[in-house]
């Protein structure tokens, strides 16, 4: 095991090769590898204090690890593949989506606190709002907004005219006032308090992942055409199209993430991950993160 220095700007990646890795975004060095199973790791998340790492796998498990040494703390079991995992802003709770359900665990004990039945269609993703008052789910023909006080669905975000099947991703704005939901052919901005549609952007193909910059002024879109778009949240105009040798197969970009200070971007594509320097509205390719042998499904920065 390699000791991870938490003062570094760290990136975690989840891969279909059955592992999750932690990287130094400056040097590109792989500092830690956890997992090593034969089942895909679909999702990875750092705890808010950066001390723990959660992974979600195709075998129906959510695993909690120490972020410094990669020691397994506990394993939480679901009946079907776990597509997405996220810590609450307080770090006390962990959410996982599996099948048609959302599971909520207490981090300290591993106790299952709640199981929420979302509907008849599989849940693809979930995210907590930064203020901890909401969480959102993405599934088949709609997205949903849930209260973390009542644990009831407050708003259903429907997209009946959207082509294709399935909502792909959800992301809250830094002030928790707005929610972006992506699907095939469109990205939609919703008002959290009212559930009203604020804006819509039509794009070609699927948008697999969305991420706000920490200042809320930019939005990253991971696309199925081998590019990532950086757009302005003011005008919704494209600021930059990210494409380079980091996406050598010209295949889907599956995940994007901003660093906590907004100075870097990480992107995951088929068989590759990359880090970019961001200055203003422009991102410059920095380096590849090499070591995974299958698809890189998600990348996230340590808080």
Protein backbone atom coordinates (compact mmCIF):
# COMPACT_ATOMS: atom_id res chain seq x y z
CA UNK A 1 0.00 0.00 0.00
CA UNK A 2 1.15 3.54 -0.75
CA UNK A 3 0.59 6.35 1.72
CA UNK A 4 -1.44 9.13 0.11
CA UNK A 5 -0.50 12.69 1.07
CA UNK A 6 -3.83 14.47 1.44
CA UNK A 7 -2.27 17.89 0.72
CA UNK A 8 -2.10 16.88 -2.95
CA UNK A 9 -4.88 17.68 -5.43
CA UNK A 10 -6.28 14.20 -5.78
CA UNK A 11 -8.49 12.60 -8.42
CA UNK A 12 -10.28 9.28 -8.00
CA UNK A 13 -11.38 7.11 -10.90
CA UNK A 14 -13.74 4.14 -11.16
CA UNK A 15 -13.25 1.56 -13.89
CA UNK A 16 -14.80 -1.51 -15.46
CA UNK A 17 -11.48 -3.26 -14.79
CA UNK A 18 -12.81 -3.81 -11.24
CA UNK A 19 -10.69 -1.16 -9.53
CA UNK A 20 -10.79 2.41 -8.33
CA UNK A 21 -7.62 4.47 -8.29
CA UNK A 22 -6.46 7.67 -6.60
CA UNK A 23 -4.13 9.92 -8.58
CA UNK A 24 -1.95 12.95 -8.01
CA UNK A 25 -3.42 15.36 -10.56
CA UNK A 26 -0.15 17.32 -10.77
CA UNK A 27 2.22 14.45 -11.59
CA UNK A 28 -0.27 11.89 -12.91
CA UNK A 29 1.13 9.32 -10.46
CA UNK A 30 -1.23 6.58 -9.30
CA UNK A 31 -1.08 6.72 -5.51
CA UNK A 32 -3.60 4.06 -4.56
CA UNK A 33 -5.58 1.20 -6.09
CA UNK A 34 -8.55 -0.40 -4.33
CA UNK A 35 -10.84 -3.20 -5.41
CA UNK A 36 -9.17 -5.65 -7.70
CA UNK A 37 -12.36 -7.64 -8.25
CA UNK A 38 -13.72 -8.95 -11.53
CA UNK A 39 -16.88 -6.81 -11.48
CA UNK A 40 -17.10 -3.28 -12.93
CA UNK A 41 -16.76 -0.33 -10.55
CA UNK A 42 -19.36 2.15 -11.78
CA UNK A 43 -18.97 5.04 -9.35
CA UNK A 44 -16.55 6.52 -6.84
CA UNK A 45 -16.87 9.34 -4.29
CA UNK A 46 -14.68 11.04 -1.69
CA UNK A 47 -16.15 11.89 1.70
CA UNK A 48 -16.38 15.67 2.29
CA UNK A 49 -13.32 15.59 4.56
CA UNK A 50 -11.37 13.57 2.00
CA UNK A 51 -10.62 10.78 4.47
CA UNK A 52 -12.83 8.07 2.95
CA UNK A 53 -13.52 6.71 -0.48
CA UNK A 54 -16.74 4.96 -1.51
CA UNK A 55 -17.02 2.69 -4.54
CA UNK A 56 -20.13 1.25 -6.18
CA UNK A 57 -19.90 -1.98 -8.14
CA UNK A 58 -21.74 -4.19 -10.59
CA UNK A 59 -21.77 -7.01 -8.02
CA UNK A 60 -24.23 -5.02 -5.88
CA UNK A 61 -21.72 -3.82 -3.29
CA UNK A 62 -20.80 -0.41 -1.96
CA UNK A 63 -17.38 -0.43 -0.31
CA UNK A 64 -15.94 2.16 2.07
CA UNK A 65 -12.15 2.60 2.12
CA UNK A 66 -9.65 4.81 3.88
CA UNK A 67 -8.37 7.37 1.39
CA UNK A 68 -4.82 7.34 2.81
CA UNK A 69 -4.06 3.63 2.85
CA UNK A 70 -6.90 2.00 0.93
CA UNK A 71 -7.97 -0.12 3.89
CA UNK A 72 -11.45 -1.62 3.55
CA UNK A 73 -13.69 -0.29 6.32
CA UNK A 74 -16.95 -2.03 5.42
CA UNK A 75 -19.00 -3.41 2.57
CA UNK A 76 -22.68 -2.62 2.07
CA UNK A 77 -24.78 -5.04 0.04
CA UNK A 78 -27.56 -4.46 -2.49
CA UNK A 79 -29.44 -7.02 -4.57
CA UNK A 80 -28.47 -5.59 -7.97
CA UNK A 81 -25.66 -3.49 -9.50
CA UNK A 82 -25.06 -0.14 -7.81
CA UNK A 83 -24.87 2.58 -10.48
CA UNK A 84 -24.03 5.64 -8.39
CA UNK A 85 -22.82 6.56 -4.90
CA UNK A 86 -22.58 9.92 -3.10
CA UNK A 87 -21.84 11.24 0.39
CA UNK A 88 -24.10 13.81 2.02
CA UNK A 89 -22.44 17.23 2.54
CA UNK A 90 -22.11 16.48 6.27
CA UNK A 91 -20.40 13.19 5.50
CA UNK A 92 -22.72 11.34 7.88
CA UNK A 93 -24.82 9.63 5.21
CA UNK A 94 -24.14 7.74 2.01
CA UNK A 95 -26.58 7.28 -0.84
CA UNK A 96 -26.48 4.52 -3.42
CA UNK A 97 -28.78 3.72 -6.34
CA UNK A 98 -29.48 0.14 -7.32
CA UNK A 99 -32.26 -1.17 -9.53
CA UNK A 100 -35.38 0.91 -8.91
CA UNK A 101 -34.37 1.92 -5.39
CA UNK A 102 -32.32 4.49 -3.54
CA UNK A 103 -30.51 3.29 -0.41
CA UNK A 104 -29.41 5.55 2.42
CA UNK A 105 -26.81 4.35 4.92
CA UNK A 106 -25.24 5.83 8.03
CA UNK A 107 -21.54 6.10 7.28
CA UNK A 108 -20.22 5.55 10.82
CA UNK A 109 -22.09 2.30 11.46
CA UNK A 110 -23.07 1.09 7.99
CA UNK A 111 -26.70 0.91 9.16
CA UNK A 112 -29.31 1.05 6.40
CA UNK A 113 -31.46 4.05 7.32
CA UNK A 114 -33.94 4.12 4.44
CA UNK A 115 -34.86 2.47 1.17
CA UNK A 116 -36.77 4.70 -1.23
CA UNK A 117 -38.65 3.17 -4.15
CA UNK A 118 -38.21 5.57 -7.05
CA UNK A 119 -40.50 3.83 -9.55
CA UNK A 120 -40.65 1.13 -12.15
CA UNK A 121 -37.55 2.18 -14.05
CA UNK A 122 -33.92 1.80 -13.09
CA UNK A 123 -32.18 4.69 -11.34
CA UNK A 124 -29.02 5.84 -13.11
CA UNK A 125 -27.62 8.54 -10.84
CA UNK A 126 -28.16 10.51 -7.64
CA UNK A 127 -26.64 13.61 -6.07
CA UNK A 128 -27.02 15.62 -2.86
CA UNK A 129 -27.42 19.39 -3.04
CA UNK A 130 -24.46 21.29 -1.53
CA UNK A 131 -26.66 22.67 1.27
CA UNK A 132 -27.84 19.16 2.16
CA UNK A 133 -31.54 20.00 1.87
CA UNK A 134 -32.20 18.00 -1.30
CA UNK A 135 -31.11 15.06 -3.33
CA UNK A 136 -31.93 14.34 -6.94
CA UNK A 137 -32.28 11.13 -8.93
CA UNK A 138 -32.07 10.48 -12.66
CA UNK A 139 -34.09 7.64 -14.14
CA UNK A 140 -35.84 6.62 -17.34
CA UNK A 141 -38.30 9.29 -18.49
CA UNK A 142 -37.86 11.74 -15.63
CA UNK A 143 -35.77 13.09 -12.83
CA UNK A 144 -36.92 13.58 -9.25
CA UNK A 145 -36.18 16.04 -6.46
CA UNK A 146 -36.37 14.73 -2.88
CA UNK A 147 -36.42 16.48 0.48
CA UNK A 148 -33.84 15.28 3.01
CA UNK A 149 -36.19 16.38 5.79
CA UNK A 150 -39.28 14.37 4.84
CA UNK A 151 -37.49 11.94 2.46
CA UNK A 152 -40.40 12.38 0.07
CA UNK A 153 -40.35 13.25 -3.61
CA UNK A 154 -41.14 16.96 -3.91
CA UNK A 155 -40.88 17.52 -7.67
CA UNK A 156 -40.99 15.19 -10.67
CA UNK A 157 -39.03 16.58 -13.62
CA UNK A 158 -40.58 15.12 -16.76
CA UNK A 159 -39.18 15.12 -20.30
CA UNK A 160 -41.87 13.40 -22.44
CA UNK A 161 -40.59 14.74 -25.77
CA UNK A 162 -36.96 13.74 -25.19
CA UNK A 163 -35.67 11.23 -27.71
CA UNK A 164 -33.93 8.05 -26.63
CA UNK A 165 -34.33 6.43 -23.25
CA UNK A 166 -33.07 7.27 -19.84
CA UNK A 167 -31.92 10.26 -17.86
CA UNK A 168 -28.13 10.10 -17.57
CA UNK A 169 -26.89 12.53 -14.93
CA UNK A 170 -27.84 15.15 -12.36
CA UNK A 171 -25.85 18.01 -10.82
CA UNK A 172 -26.80 20.83 -8.44
CA UNK A 173 -25.50 24.36 -8.82
CA UNK A 174 -23.10 25.44 -6.04
CA UNK A 175 -25.83 27.55 -4.38
CA UNK A 176 -28.28 24.58 -4.49
CA UNK A 177 -30.85 26.76 -6.27
CA UNK A 178 -30.78 24.97 -9.61
CA UNK A 179 -30.45 21.44 -10.93
CA UNK A 180 -29.13 20.25 -14.27
CA UNK A 181 -30.46 16.97 -15.67
CA UNK A 182 -29.09 15.43 -18.86
CA UNK A 183 -30.49 12.83 -21.24
CA UNK A 184 -30.28 11.95 -24.92
CA UNK A 185 -30.33 15.11 -26.99
CA UNK A 186 -30.74 17.69 -24.25
CA UNK A 187 -29.53 19.27 -21.03
CA UNK A 188 -32.15 20.94 -18.87
CA UNK A 189 -31.89 23.45 -16.06
CA UNK A 190 -34.58 23.30 -13.36
CA UNK A 191 -35.44 25.60 -10.47
CA UNK A 192 -35.13 23.55 -7.29
CA UNK A 193 -37.70 25.35 -5.14
CA UNK A 194 -40.50 25.37 -7.75
CA UNK A 195 -39.55 22.44 -9.97
CA UNK A 196 -39.98 24.71 -13.00
CA UNK A 197 -37.97 24.30 -16.19
CA UNK A 198 -35.67 27.31 -16.56
CA UNK A 199 -33.68 26.53 -19.67
CA UNK A 200 -32.93 23.81 -22.18
CA UNK A 201 -29.92 23.14 -24.38
CA UNK A 202 -30.18 20.76 -27.34
CA UNK A 203 -27.06 18.70 -27.99
CA UNK A 204 -26.21 15.83 -30.29
CA UNK A 205 -26.20 12.38 -28.70
CA UNK A 206 -26.06 11.49 -25.03
CA UNK A 207 -24.68 13.69 -22.26
CA UNK A 208 -23.36 11.13 -19.79
CA UNK A 209 -22.14 13.49 -17.08
CA UNK A 210 -22.56 17.13 -16.02
CA UNK A 211 -20.56 19.25 -13.58
CA UNK A 212 -20.79 22.86 -12.39
CA UNK A 213 -17.66 24.91 -11.78
CA UNK A 214 -17.31 25.96 -8.10
CA UNK A 215 -18.31 29.54 -8.96
CA UNK A 216 -21.36 28.31 -10.88
CA UNK A 217 -20.36 30.22 -14.01
CA UNK A 218 -19.46 27.23 -16.19
CA UNK A 219 -20.95 23.83 -16.89
CA UNK A 220 -19.10 20.81 -18.22
CA UNK A 221 -20.88 18.24 -20.38
CA UNK A 222 -19.46 14.77 -21.13
CA UNK A 223 -20.73 13.72 -24.55
CA UNK A 224 -21.11 10.50 -26.49
CA UNK A 225 -19.26 11.91 -29.52
CA UNK A 226 -15.81 11.91 -27.92
CA UNK A 227 -15.85 15.52 -26.71
CA UNK A 228 -16.60 17.48 -23.58
CA UNK A 229 -18.24 20.89 -23.77
CA UNK A 230 -17.61 23.81 -21.44
CA UNK A 231 -20.57 26.18 -21.59
CA UNK A 232 -21.45 29.45 -19.91
CA UNK A 233 -24.30 29.20 -17.40
CA UNK A 234 -25.15 32.82 -18.18
CA UNK A 235 -25.57 32.66 -21.94
CA UNK A 236 -25.51 28.86 -22.37
CA UNK A 237 -23.11 29.38 -25.23
CA UNK A 238 -20.20 27.00 -25.80
CA UNK A 239 -16.94 28.37 -24.40
CA UNK A 240 -14.74 25.46 -25.46
CA UNK A 241 -14.90 21.98 -26.90
CA UNK A 242 -12.44 19.67 -25.15
CA UNK A 243 -10.99 17.10 -27.50
CA UNK A 244 -7.48 15.75 -27.95
CA UNK A 245 -5.37 12.61 -27.83
CA UNK A 246 -6.75 12.05 -24.33
CA UNK A 247 -9.78 10.56 -26.08
CA UNK A 248 -7.90 8.42 -28.62
CA UNK A 249 -10.79 6.21 -29.67
CA UNK A 250 -13.10 9.17 -30.35
CA UNK A 251 -15.61 7.37 -28.20
CA UNK A 252 -17.89 8.39 -25.35
CA UNK A 253 -16.63 10.79 -22.70
CA UNK A 254 -18.29 9.24 -19.66
CA UNK A 255 -17.51 11.61 -16.78
CA UNK A 256 -16.29 15.14 -16.05
CA UNK A 257 -15.38 16.90 -12.81
CA UNK A 258 -14.06 20.28 -11.62
CA UNK A 259 -11.46 20.58 -8.87
CA UNK A 260 -12.65 22.35 -5.69
CA UNK A 261 -10.94 25.61 -6.70
CA UNK A 262 -12.01 25.35 -10.34
CA UNK A 263 -8.43 25.38 -11.62
CA UNK A 264 -8.53 21.85 -13.04
CA UNK A 265 -10.86 19.54 -14.90
CA UNK A 266 -10.79 15.76 -15.04
CA UNK A 267 -12.41 13.78 -17.83
CA UNK A 268 -12.97 10.04 -18.28
CA UNK A 269 -13.36 8.33 -21.61
CA UNK A 270 -13.23 4.77 -22.88
CA UNK A 271 -9.98 3.28 -21.54
CA UNK A 272 -8.55 6.68 -20.54
CA UNK A 273 -8.71 9.57 -18.11
CA UNK A 274 -7.15 13.00 -18.35
CA UNK A 275 -6.50 16.18 -16.37
CA UNK A 276 -6.78 19.71 -17.75
CA UNK A 277 -5.62 23.10 -16.45
CA UNK A 278 -8.34 25.75 -16.44
CA UNK A 279 -7.65 29.45 -16.80
CA UNK A 280 -10.74 31.60 -17.10
CA UNK A 281 -12.97 30.06 -19.74
CA UNK A 282 -10.27 27.93 -21.33
CA UNK A 283 -9.06 24.44 -20.43
CA UNK A 284 -5.62 23.20 -21.54
CA UNK A 285 -4.76 19.51 -21.66
CA UNK A 286 -2.26 18.64 -18.92
CA UNK A 287 -1.75 14.88 -18.83
CA UNK A 288 -3.21 11.42 -19.08
CA UNK A 289 -3.96 9.24 -16.08
CA UNK A 290 -2.75 5.86 -17.27
CA UNK A 291 -3.24 2.55 -15.53
CA UNK A 292 -6.80 1.31 -16.05
CA UNK A 293 -7.31 -1.52 -18.52
CA UNK A 294 -11.03 -1.04 -19.20
CA UNK A 295 -13.52 1.84 -19.44
CA UNK A 296 -13.11 4.63 -16.90
CA UNK A 297 -16.69 5.21 -15.75
CA UNK A 298 -16.26 8.13 -13.36
CA UNK A 299 -13.69 10.67 -12.19
CA UNK A 300 -14.02 12.93 -9.14
CA UNK A 301 -11.72 15.37 -7.35
CA UNK A 302 -11.09 15.17 -3.62
CA UNK A 303 -12.90 18.05 -1.85
